[in-house]
């Protein structure tokens, strides 16, 4: 498993400004957390997705690819760091 923290610098009110991803050996998200400007912290996993948050439908690629995009800052984090963020997040209430 890989664990990433990604910050996104943008002005979109409805989009997350930070995300945490737990990525499996197959390159796909296993779990994801998104933090929004309005202080919502939502999470998703393979059993819990919604219209507000879901897992990627394609492999994540490399963290360097993400970090090299102009509006993104990406870094690897520890599994413990991911778990700490996971415990602070809530399940989204709107289902797809």
N, C-alpha and C. Protein backbone atom coordinates (compact mmCIF):
# COMPACT_ATOMS: atom_id res chain seq x y z
N UNK A 1 0.84 -1.19 0.00
CA UNK A 1 0.00 0.00 0.00
C UNK A 1 0.88 1.25 0.00
N UNK A 2 0.41 2.26 -0.72
CA UNK A 2 1.01 3.59 -0.66
C UNK A 2 -0.02 4.52 -0.04
N UNK A 3 0.46 5.55 0.62
CA UNK A 3 -0.42 6.55 1.24
C UNK A 3 0.07 7.92 0.81
N UNK A 4 -0.85 8.70 0.23
CA UNK A 4 -0.51 10.01 -0.31
C UNK A 4 -1.34 11.10 0.36
N UNK A 5 -0.73 12.28 0.46
CA UNK A 5 -1.45 13.51 0.80
C UNK A 5 -1.26 14.44 -0.38
N UNK A 6 -2.37 14.97 -0.90
CA UNK A 6 -2.31 15.85 -2.06
C UNK A 6 -3.09 17.13 -1.76
N UNK A 7 -2.42 18.27 -1.90
CA UNK A 7 -3.08 19.57 -1.78
C UNK A 7 -3.32 20.13 -3.17
N UNK A 8 -4.50 20.72 -3.36
CA UNK A 8 -4.89 21.27 -4.65
C UNK A 8 -5.19 22.76 -4.47
N UNK A 9 -4.40 23.62 -5.10
CA UNK A 9 -4.59 25.07 -5.03
C UNK A 9 -5.55 25.50 -6.14
N UNK A 10 -6.75 25.90 -5.75
CA UNK A 10 -7.79 26.30 -6.71
C UNK A 10 -8.81 27.18 -6.02
N UNK A 11 -9.75 27.70 -6.80
CA UNK A 11 -10.79 28.58 -6.27
C UNK A 11 -12.20 27.97 -6.35
N UNK A 12 -12.32 26.70 -6.72
CA UNK A 12 -13.62 26.05 -6.85
C UNK A 12 -14.19 25.76 -5.46
N UNK A 13 -15.35 26.31 -5.17
CA UNK A 13 -15.93 26.16 -3.83
C UNK A 13 -16.40 24.73 -3.53
N UNK A 14 -16.79 23.99 -4.54
CA UNK A 14 -17.36 22.66 -4.30
C UNK A 14 -16.34 21.52 -4.41
N UNK A 15 -15.09 21.84 -4.67
CA UNK A 15 -14.06 20.81 -4.84
C UNK A 15 -13.16 20.74 -3.61
N UNK A 16 -12.60 19.57 -3.33
CA UNK A 16 -11.72 19.45 -2.16
C UNK A 16 -10.41 20.22 -2.36
N UNK A 17 -9.84 20.66 -1.25
CA UNK A 17 -8.55 21.34 -1.28
C UNK A 17 -7.42 20.42 -0.84
N UNK A 18 -7.77 19.32 -0.20
CA UNK A 18 -6.78 18.32 0.21
C UNK A 18 -7.42 16.94 0.10
N UNK A 19 -6.61 15.98 -0.29
CA UNK A 19 -7.08 14.59 -0.29
C UNK A 19 -5.98 13.69 0.24
N UNK A 20 -6.42 12.59 0.80
CA UNK A 20 -5.53 11.53 1.25
C UNK A 20 -5.98 10.27 0.52
N UNK A 21 -5.04 9.51 0.02
CA UNK A 21 -5.37 8.28 -0.71
C UNK A 21 -4.56 7.12 -0.16
N UNK A 22 -5.24 5.99 -0.03
CA UNK A 22 -4.57 4.72 0.25
C UNK A 22 -4.67 3.93 -1.05
N UNK A 23 -3.51 3.63 -1.63
CA UNK A 23 -3.47 3.04 -2.96
C UNK A 23 -2.92 1.62 -2.85
N UNK A 24 -3.69 0.67 -3.40
CA UNK A 24 -3.30 -0.73 -3.33
C UNK A 24 -2.19 -1.07 -4.31
N UNK A 25 -1.68 -2.29 -4.20
CA UNK A 25 -0.60 -2.74 -5.08
C UNK A 25 -1.02 -2.79 -6.55
N UNK A 26 -2.35 -2.79 -6.80
CA UNK A 26 -2.86 -2.77 -8.17
C UNK A 26 -2.91 -1.35 -8.75
N UNK A 27 -2.56 -0.34 -7.93
CA UNK A 27 -2.56 1.05 -8.39
C UNK A 27 -3.88 1.77 -8.21
N UNK A 28 -4.91 1.09 -7.73
CA UNK A 28 -6.23 1.70 -7.53
C UNK A 28 -6.41 2.13 -6.08
N UNK A 29 -7.27 3.16 -5.90
CA UNK A 29 -7.61 3.59 -4.54
C UNK A 29 -8.29 2.46 -3.79
N UNK A 30 -7.89 2.28 -2.54
CA UNK A 30 -8.60 1.39 -1.62
C UNK A 30 -9.49 2.23 -0.70
N UNK A 31 -8.94 3.38 -0.28
CA UNK A 31 -9.69 4.33 0.55
C UNK A 31 -9.23 5.74 0.19
N UNK A 32 -10.13 6.70 0.41
CA UNK A 32 -9.83 8.09 0.08
C UNK A 32 -10.52 9.00 1.08
N UNK A 33 -9.87 10.13 1.36
CA UNK A 33 -10.41 11.17 2.23
C UNK A 33 -10.30 12.48 1.46
N UNK A 34 -11.34 13.31 1.54
CA UNK A 34 -11.28 14.63 0.91
C UNK A 34 -11.68 15.69 1.94
N UNK A 35 -10.91 16.78 1.96
CA UNK A 35 -11.18 17.90 2.86
C UNK A 35 -11.58 19.10 2.01
N UNK A 36 -12.67 19.76 2.40
CA UNK A 36 -13.25 20.86 1.64
C UNK A 36 -13.08 22.18 2.38
N UNK A 37 -13.20 23.28 1.65
CA UNK A 37 -13.09 24.62 2.23
C UNK A 37 -14.07 24.84 3.38
N UNK A 38 -15.25 24.25 3.27
CA UNK A 38 -16.27 24.44 4.30
C UNK A 38 -16.06 23.52 5.51
N UNK A 39 -14.89 22.90 5.59
CA UNK A 39 -14.46 22.06 6.70
C UNK A 39 -15.06 20.66 6.72
N UNK A 40 -15.80 20.29 5.66
CA UNK A 40 -16.25 18.90 5.57
C UNK A 40 -15.04 18.02 5.33
N UNK A 41 -15.02 16.87 5.98
CA UNK A 41 -13.97 15.87 5.78
C UNK A 41 -14.69 14.56 5.49
N UNK A 42 -14.69 14.15 4.23
CA UNK A 42 -15.45 12.98 3.80
C UNK A 42 -14.51 11.84 3.44
N UNK A 43 -15.03 10.61 3.59
CA UNK A 43 -14.23 9.44 3.25
C UNK A 43 -15.04 8.48 2.40
N UNK A 44 -14.30 7.66 1.65
CA UNK A 44 -14.91 6.63 0.80
C UNK A 44 -13.99 5.42 0.80
N UNK A 45 -14.61 4.25 0.63
CA UNK A 45 -13.84 3.03 0.41
C UNK A 45 -14.59 2.20 -0.62
N UNK A 46 -14.16 0.99 -0.85
CA UNK A 46 -14.76 0.18 -1.92
C UNK A 46 -16.22 -0.15 -1.65
N UNK A 47 -16.68 0.00 -0.42
CA UNK A 47 -18.08 -0.29 -0.08
C UNK A 47 -18.92 0.96 0.14
N UNK A 48 -18.29 2.10 0.23
CA UNK A 48 -18.99 3.35 0.55
C UNK A 48 -18.53 4.47 -0.36
N UNK A 49 -19.30 4.72 -1.41
CA UNK A 49 -19.05 5.85 -2.29
C UNK A 49 -20.35 6.65 -2.39
N UNK A 50 -20.25 7.91 -2.82
CA UNK A 50 -21.44 8.75 -2.94
C UNK A 50 -21.23 9.71 -4.10
N UNK A 51 -22.22 10.56 -4.32
CA UNK A 51 -22.09 11.59 -5.35
C UNK A 51 -21.02 12.59 -4.97
N UNK A 52 -20.75 12.73 -3.68
CA UNK A 52 -19.76 13.70 -3.20
C UNK A 52 -18.33 13.18 -3.26
N UNK A 53 -18.13 11.89 -3.05
CA UNK A 53 -16.78 11.34 -3.00
C UNK A 53 -16.80 9.88 -3.46
N UNK A 54 -15.83 9.56 -4.28
CA UNK A 54 -15.70 8.19 -4.76
C UNK A 54 -14.24 7.87 -5.05
N UNK A 55 -13.98 6.64 -5.34
CA UNK A 55 -12.63 6.20 -5.65
C UNK A 55 -12.36 6.37 -7.14
N UNK A 56 -11.09 6.52 -7.49
CA UNK A 56 -10.71 6.64 -8.91
C UNK A 56 -11.10 5.38 -9.67
N UNK A 57 -11.49 5.56 -10.91
CA UNK A 57 -11.84 4.43 -11.77
C UNK A 57 -10.67 3.99 -12.63
N UNK A 58 -9.54 4.66 -12.50
CA UNK A 58 -8.31 4.33 -13.23
C UNK A 58 -7.18 4.27 -12.21
N UNK A 59 -6.09 3.59 -12.53
CA UNK A 59 -4.96 3.56 -11.59
C UNK A 59 -4.44 4.97 -11.29
N UNK A 60 -3.92 5.15 -10.10
CA UNK A 60 -3.48 6.47 -9.64
C UNK A 60 -2.26 6.99 -10.38
N UNK A 61 -1.43 6.13 -10.92
CA UNK A 61 -0.19 6.59 -11.52
C UNK A 61 0.86 6.78 -10.44
N UNK A 62 1.82 7.64 -10.72
CA UNK A 62 2.88 7.86 -9.73
C UNK A 62 2.65 9.18 -8.99
N UNK A 63 3.16 9.23 -7.79
CA UNK A 63 3.04 10.46 -7.00
C UNK A 63 3.81 11.59 -7.66
N UNK A 64 4.89 11.26 -8.36
CA UNK A 64 5.65 12.30 -9.07
C UNK A 64 4.82 12.92 -10.18
N UNK A 65 4.01 12.12 -10.87
CA UNK A 65 3.13 12.66 -11.91
C UNK A 65 2.15 13.67 -11.33
N UNK A 66 1.62 13.37 -10.15
CA UNK A 66 0.68 14.29 -9.49
C UNK A 66 1.43 15.54 -9.04
N UNK A 67 2.56 15.36 -8.38
CA UNK A 67 3.32 16.49 -7.84
C UNK A 67 3.82 17.43 -8.94
N UNK A 68 4.01 16.93 -10.14
CA UNK A 68 4.50 17.76 -11.24
C UNK A 68 3.42 18.57 -11.92
N UNK A 69 2.15 18.39 -11.53
CA UNK A 69 1.08 19.21 -12.09
C UNK A 69 1.09 20.57 -11.38
N UNK A 70 0.86 21.64 -12.12
CA UNK A 70 1.06 22.99 -11.58
C UNK A 70 0.27 23.34 -10.31
N UNK A 71 -0.95 22.87 -10.17
CA UNK A 71 -1.78 23.28 -9.04
C UNK A 71 -1.77 22.28 -7.88
N UNK A 72 -0.89 21.28 -7.94
CA UNK A 72 -0.89 20.22 -6.93
C UNK A 72 0.43 20.14 -6.19
N UNK A 73 0.34 19.77 -4.94
CA UNK A 73 1.49 19.45 -4.11
C UNK A 73 1.20 18.07 -3.53
N UNK A 74 2.08 17.11 -3.75
CA UNK A 74 1.82 15.73 -3.33
C UNK A 74 3.01 15.17 -2.58
N UNK A 75 2.71 14.37 -1.55
CA UNK A 75 3.77 13.72 -0.79
C UNK A 75 3.28 12.38 -0.26
N UNK A 76 4.21 11.49 -0.03
CA UNK A 76 3.89 10.21 0.62
C UNK A 76 3.77 10.47 2.12
N UNK A 77 2.85 9.75 2.74
CA UNK A 77 2.70 9.83 4.20
C UNK A 77 2.74 8.41 4.76
N UNK A 78 2.87 8.31 6.05
CA UNK A 78 2.92 7.01 6.70
C UNK A 78 1.53 6.39 6.79
N UNK A 79 1.45 5.07 6.90
CA UNK A 79 0.14 4.43 7.13
C UNK A 79 -0.54 5.00 8.38
N UNK A 80 0.24 5.30 9.41
CA UNK A 80 -0.33 5.86 10.64
C UNK A 80 -0.91 7.25 10.40
N UNK A 81 -0.24 8.05 9.57
CA UNK A 81 -0.76 9.37 9.22
C UNK A 81 -2.08 9.26 8.48
N UNK A 82 -2.17 8.28 7.57
CA UNK A 82 -3.42 8.07 6.86
C UNK A 82 -4.52 7.65 7.83
N UNK A 83 -4.22 6.71 8.72
CA UNK A 83 -5.23 6.23 9.69
C UNK A 83 -5.73 7.35 10.58
N UNK A 84 -4.84 8.25 10.97
CA UNK A 84 -5.25 9.38 11.80
C UNK A 84 -6.25 10.25 11.03
N UNK A 85 -5.97 10.55 9.77
CA UNK A 85 -6.89 11.33 8.95
C UNK A 85 -8.21 10.57 8.74
N UNK A 86 -8.14 9.27 8.53
CA UNK A 86 -9.33 8.43 8.31
C UNK A 86 -10.27 8.54 9.51
N UNK A 87 -9.73 8.53 10.71
CA UNK A 87 -10.56 8.58 11.92
C UNK A 87 -11.29 9.92 12.06
N UNK A 88 -10.77 10.99 11.46
CA UNK A 88 -11.42 12.30 11.58
C UNK A 88 -12.50 12.51 10.52
N UNK A 89 -12.55 11.66 9.51
CA UNK A 89 -13.47 11.84 8.37
C UNK A 89 -14.83 11.18 8.64
N UNK A 90 -15.82 11.64 7.89
CA UNK A 90 -17.18 11.12 7.97
C UNK A 90 -17.59 10.52 6.64
N UNK A 91 -18.54 9.60 6.70
CA UNK A 91 -19.12 9.07 5.46
C UNK A 91 -20.02 10.12 4.86
N UNK A 92 -20.01 10.25 3.56
CA UNK A 92 -20.92 11.18 2.87
C UNK A 92 -22.34 10.68 3.03
N UNK A 93 -23.29 11.62 3.00
CA UNK A 93 -24.68 11.24 3.21
C UNK A 93 -25.47 11.05 1.94
N UNK A 94 -25.04 11.65 0.84
CA UNK A 94 -25.76 11.51 -0.43
C UNK A 94 -25.21 10.35 -1.22
N UNK A 95 -26.04 9.37 -1.55
CA UNK A 95 -25.63 8.21 -2.32
C UNK A 95 -25.72 8.50 -3.80
N UNK A 96 -24.92 7.79 -4.61
CA UNK A 96 -24.98 7.96 -6.07
C UNK A 96 -26.25 7.34 -6.62
